[in-house]
Amino acid sequence: MWAYALIATGSINWSYQRNEPNVVTNSAFVIVPGLVLFAITFNKTLAAKLNSKAAMAFWGTVGGLALIYAFIN
């Protein structure tokens, strides 16, 4: 769900700021982590590691910072 939230927020950000300069770069900061996280779920070895507390903390921090960036920008 976190991956989908990042991808959706980045896409919405892109849509609303379509005419702004650097919109691709700004939205990519949100979309790319979501795509990476989504891709990890297709690899059984990496997906199993997502259940660790360290991975949850890492992706929670990365996603949280990306969402804050999207809302501030």
N, C-alpha and C. Protein backbone atom coordinates (compact mmCIF):
# COMPACT_ATOMS: atom_id res chain seq x y z
N MET A 1 0.81 -1.20 0.00
CA MET A 1 0.00 0.00 0.00
C MET A 1 0.86 1.26 0.00
N TRP A 2 1.97 1.21 0.68
CA TRP A 2 2.84 2.37 0.77
C TRP A 2 3.38 2.74 -0.61
N ALA A 3 3.72 1.72 -1.41
CA ALA A 3 4.21 1.97 -2.77
C ALA A 3 3.13 2.65 -3.60
N TYR A 4 1.91 2.16 -3.51
CA TYR A 4 0.82 2.76 -4.26
C TYR A 4 0.57 4.20 -3.82
N ALA A 5 0.66 4.46 -2.54
CA ALA A 5 0.46 5.81 -2.03
C ALA A 5 1.50 6.77 -2.59
N LEU A 6 2.74 6.32 -2.65
CA LEU A 6 3.80 7.17 -3.19
C LEU A 6 3.60 7.42 -4.69
N ILE A 7 3.29 6.36 -5.42
CA ILE A 7 3.07 6.51 -6.86
C ILE A 7 1.88 7.43 -7.14
N ALA A 8 0.80 7.23 -6.42
CA ALA A 8 -0.39 8.05 -6.63
C ALA A 8 -0.15 9.51 -6.26
N THR A 9 0.51 9.75 -5.14
CA THR A 9 0.79 11.12 -4.72
C THR A 9 1.71 11.81 -5.71
N GLY A 10 2.72 11.11 -6.19
CA GLY A 10 3.62 11.70 -7.19
C GLY A 10 2.90 11.99 -8.49
N SER A 11 2.01 11.12 -8.89
CA SER A 11 1.24 11.34 -10.12
C SER A 11 0.28 12.51 -9.98
N ILE A 12 -0.36 12.61 -8.84
CA ILE A 12 -1.26 13.75 -8.58
C ILE A 12 -0.46 15.04 -8.54
N ASN A 13 0.70 15.00 -7.89
CA ASN A 13 1.57 16.16 -7.85
C ASN A 13 1.95 16.61 -9.25
N TRP A 14 2.30 15.65 -10.10
CA TRP A 14 2.66 15.93 -11.49
C TRP A 14 1.48 16.56 -12.23
N SER A 15 0.30 16.02 -12.01
CA SER A 15 -0.89 16.51 -12.69
C SER A 15 -1.22 17.95 -12.29
N TYR A 16 -1.15 18.24 -11.00
CA TYR A 16 -1.50 19.57 -10.53
C TYR A 16 -0.45 20.62 -10.87
N GLN A 17 0.80 20.22 -11.00
CA GLN A 17 1.87 21.17 -11.27
C GLN A 17 2.40 21.05 -12.69
N ARG A 18 1.57 20.61 -13.59
CA ARG A 18 1.98 20.32 -14.95
C ARG A 18 2.73 21.47 -15.63
N ASN A 19 2.35 22.70 -15.41
CA ASN A 19 2.97 23.84 -16.10
C ASN A 19 4.12 24.46 -15.33
N GLU A 20 4.47 23.91 -14.18
CA GLU A 20 5.56 24.44 -13.37
C GLU A 20 6.91 23.92 -13.89
N PRO A 21 7.97 24.71 -13.73
CA PRO A 21 9.29 24.21 -14.11
C PRO A 21 9.75 23.10 -13.15
N ASN A 22 10.52 22.16 -13.65
CA ASN A 22 11.06 21.04 -12.87
C ASN A 22 10.00 20.11 -12.30
N VAL A 23 8.83 20.07 -12.89
CA VAL A 23 7.77 19.21 -12.37
C VAL A 23 8.15 17.74 -12.47
N VAL A 24 8.87 17.36 -13.51
CA VAL A 24 9.26 15.96 -13.67
C VAL A 24 10.21 15.55 -12.55
N THR A 25 11.19 16.36 -12.27
CA THR A 25 12.14 16.07 -11.21
C THR A 25 11.46 16.03 -9.85
N ASN A 26 10.63 17.01 -9.57
CA ASN A 26 9.94 17.06 -8.28
C ASN A 26 9.04 15.86 -8.08
N SER A 27 8.31 15.47 -9.10
CA SER A 27 7.42 14.32 -8.98
C SER A 27 8.20 13.02 -8.94
N ALA A 28 9.34 12.96 -9.62
CA ALA A 28 10.16 11.75 -9.62
C ALA A 28 10.68 11.44 -8.22
N PHE A 29 10.93 12.46 -7.40
CA PHE A 29 11.38 12.23 -6.03
C PHE A 29 10.34 11.46 -5.22
N VAL A 30 9.10 11.49 -5.65
CA VAL A 30 8.03 10.77 -4.94
C VAL A 30 7.71 9.46 -5.66
N ILE A 31 7.68 9.49 -6.97
CA ILE A 31 7.27 8.31 -7.75
C ILE A 31 8.34 7.22 -7.72
N VAL A 32 9.61 7.58 -7.86
CA VAL A 32 10.68 6.57 -7.96
C VAL A 32 10.77 5.69 -6.71
N PRO A 33 10.75 6.23 -5.50
CA PRO A 33 10.77 5.33 -4.34
C PRO A 33 9.56 4.38 -4.32
N GLY A 34 8.41 4.87 -4.77
CA GLY A 34 7.24 4.01 -4.84
C GLY A 34 7.41 2.90 -5.86
N LEU A 35 8.00 3.21 -7.00
CA LEU A 35 8.25 2.19 -8.02
C LEU A 35 9.28 1.17 -7.55
N VAL A 36 10.31 1.63 -6.85
CA VAL A 36 11.32 0.71 -6.32
C VAL A 36 10.69 -0.23 -5.30
N LEU A 37 9.93 0.33 -4.39
CA LEU A 37 9.27 -0.49 -3.38
C LEU A 37 8.29 -1.48 -4.03
N PHE A 38 7.56 -1.03 -5.03
CA PHE A 38 6.64 -1.91 -5.74
C PHE A 38 7.39 -3.03 -6.45
N ALA A 39 8.52 -2.71 -7.07
CA ALA A 39 9.31 -3.73 -7.77
C ALA A 39 9.88 -4.76 -6.79
N ILE A 40 10.25 -4.31 -5.60
CA ILE A 40 10.80 -5.22 -4.59
C ILE A 40 9.77 -6.30 -4.22
N THR A 41 8.52 -5.96 -4.25
CA THR A 41 7.49 -6.93 -3.85
C THR A 41 7.39 -8.12 -4.81
N PHE A 42 7.93 -7.99 -6.01
CA PHE A 42 7.89 -9.09 -6.98
C PHE A 42 9.04 -10.07 -6.81
N ASN A 43 10.05 -9.71 -6.04
CA ASN A 43 11.18 -10.60 -5.77
C ASN A 43 10.96 -11.24 -4.40
N LYS A 44 10.82 -12.56 -4.38
CA LYS A 44 10.48 -13.25 -3.12
C LYS A 44 11.51 -13.03 -2.02
N THR A 45 12.78 -13.03 -2.38
CA THR A 45 13.83 -12.85 -1.38
C THR A 45 13.77 -11.46 -0.77
N LEU A 46 13.66 -10.45 -1.63
CA LEU A 46 13.61 -9.08 -1.12
C LEU A 46 12.28 -8.78 -0.42
N ALA A 47 11.21 -9.34 -0.93
CA ALA A 47 9.90 -9.11 -0.32
C ALA A 47 9.85 -9.67 1.11
N ALA A 48 10.52 -10.79 1.33
CA ALA A 48 10.56 -11.37 2.67
C ALA A 48 11.29 -10.45 3.65
N LYS A 49 12.28 -9.73 3.14
CA LYS A 49 13.04 -8.82 4.01
C LYS A 49 12.26 -7.56 4.35
N LEU A 50 11.19 -7.28 3.63
CA LEU A 50 10.39 -6.10 3.92
C LEU A 50 9.66 -6.21 5.25
N ASN A 51 9.56 -7.42 5.79
CA ASN A 51 8.87 -7.61 7.06
C ASN A 51 9.73 -7.29 8.28
N SER A 52 11.00 -7.02 8.06
CA SER A 52 11.87 -6.69 9.20
C SER A 52 11.59 -5.27 9.68
N LYS A 53 11.87 -5.03 10.94
CA LYS A 53 11.65 -3.70 11.51
C LYS A 53 12.54 -2.66 10.86
N ALA A 54 13.76 -3.05 10.51
CA ALA A 54 14.68 -2.12 9.88
C ALA A 54 14.16 -1.68 8.51
N ALA A 55 13.65 -2.63 7.72
CA ALA A 55 13.11 -2.29 6.41
C ALA A 55 11.86 -1.43 6.53
N MET A 56 11.03 -1.75 7.51
CA MET A 56 9.83 -0.95 7.72
C MET A 56 10.19 0.48 8.12
N ALA A 57 11.18 0.61 8.98
CA ALA A 57 11.62 1.95 9.40
C ALA A 57 12.23 2.71 8.23
N PHE A 58 13.04 2.01 7.43
CA PHE A 58 13.67 2.65 6.28
C PHE A 58 12.63 3.15 5.28
N TRP A 59 11.72 2.26 4.86
CA TRP A 59 10.73 2.65 3.87
C TRP A 59 9.71 3.63 4.45
N GLY A 60 9.46 3.55 5.73
CA GLY A 60 8.59 4.54 6.36
C GLY A 60 9.21 5.92 6.34
N THR A 61 10.50 5.98 6.60
CA THR A 61 11.21 7.25 6.58
C THR A 61 11.32 7.80 5.16
N VAL A 62 11.74 6.95 4.22
CA VAL A 62 11.86 7.38 2.83
C VAL A 62 10.52 7.85 2.29
N GLY A 63 9.49 7.07 2.52
CA GLY A 63 8.16 7.44 2.04
C GLY A 63 7.62 8.68 2.72
N GLY A 64 7.82 8.78 4.01
CA GLY A 64 7.37 9.97 4.73
C GLY A 64 8.05 11.24 4.24
N LEU A 65 9.35 11.16 4.05
CA LEU A 65 10.07 12.33 3.52
C LEU A 65 9.64 12.67 2.10
N ALA A 66 9.38 11.64 1.28
CA ALA A 66 8.92 11.89 -0.08
C ALA A 66 7.54 12.55 -0.08
N LEU A 67 6.66 12.10 0.80
CA LEU A 67 5.33 12.70 0.87
C LEU A 67 5.39 14.14 1.39
N ILE A 68 6.22 14.37 2.39
CA ILE A 68 6.39 15.74 2.90
C ILE A 68 6.91 16.64 1.79
N TYR A 69 7.89 16.15 1.04
CA TYR A 69 8.43 16.91 -0.08
C TYR A 69 7.34 17.22 -1.11
N ALA A 70 6.49 16.23 -1.40
CA ALA A 70 5.42 16.44 -2.39
C ALA A 70 4.42 17.49 -1.92
N PHE A 71 4.08 17.47 -0.64
CA PHE A 71 3.10 18.41 -0.13
C PHE A 71 3.67 19.82 0.03
N ILE A 72 4.93 19.92 0.38
CA ILE A 72 5.56 21.23 0.54
C ILE A 72 5.86 21.86 -0.82
N ASN A 73 6.28 21.04 -1.76
CA ASN A 73 6.66 21.53 -3.07
C ASN A 73 5.42 21.76 -3.84
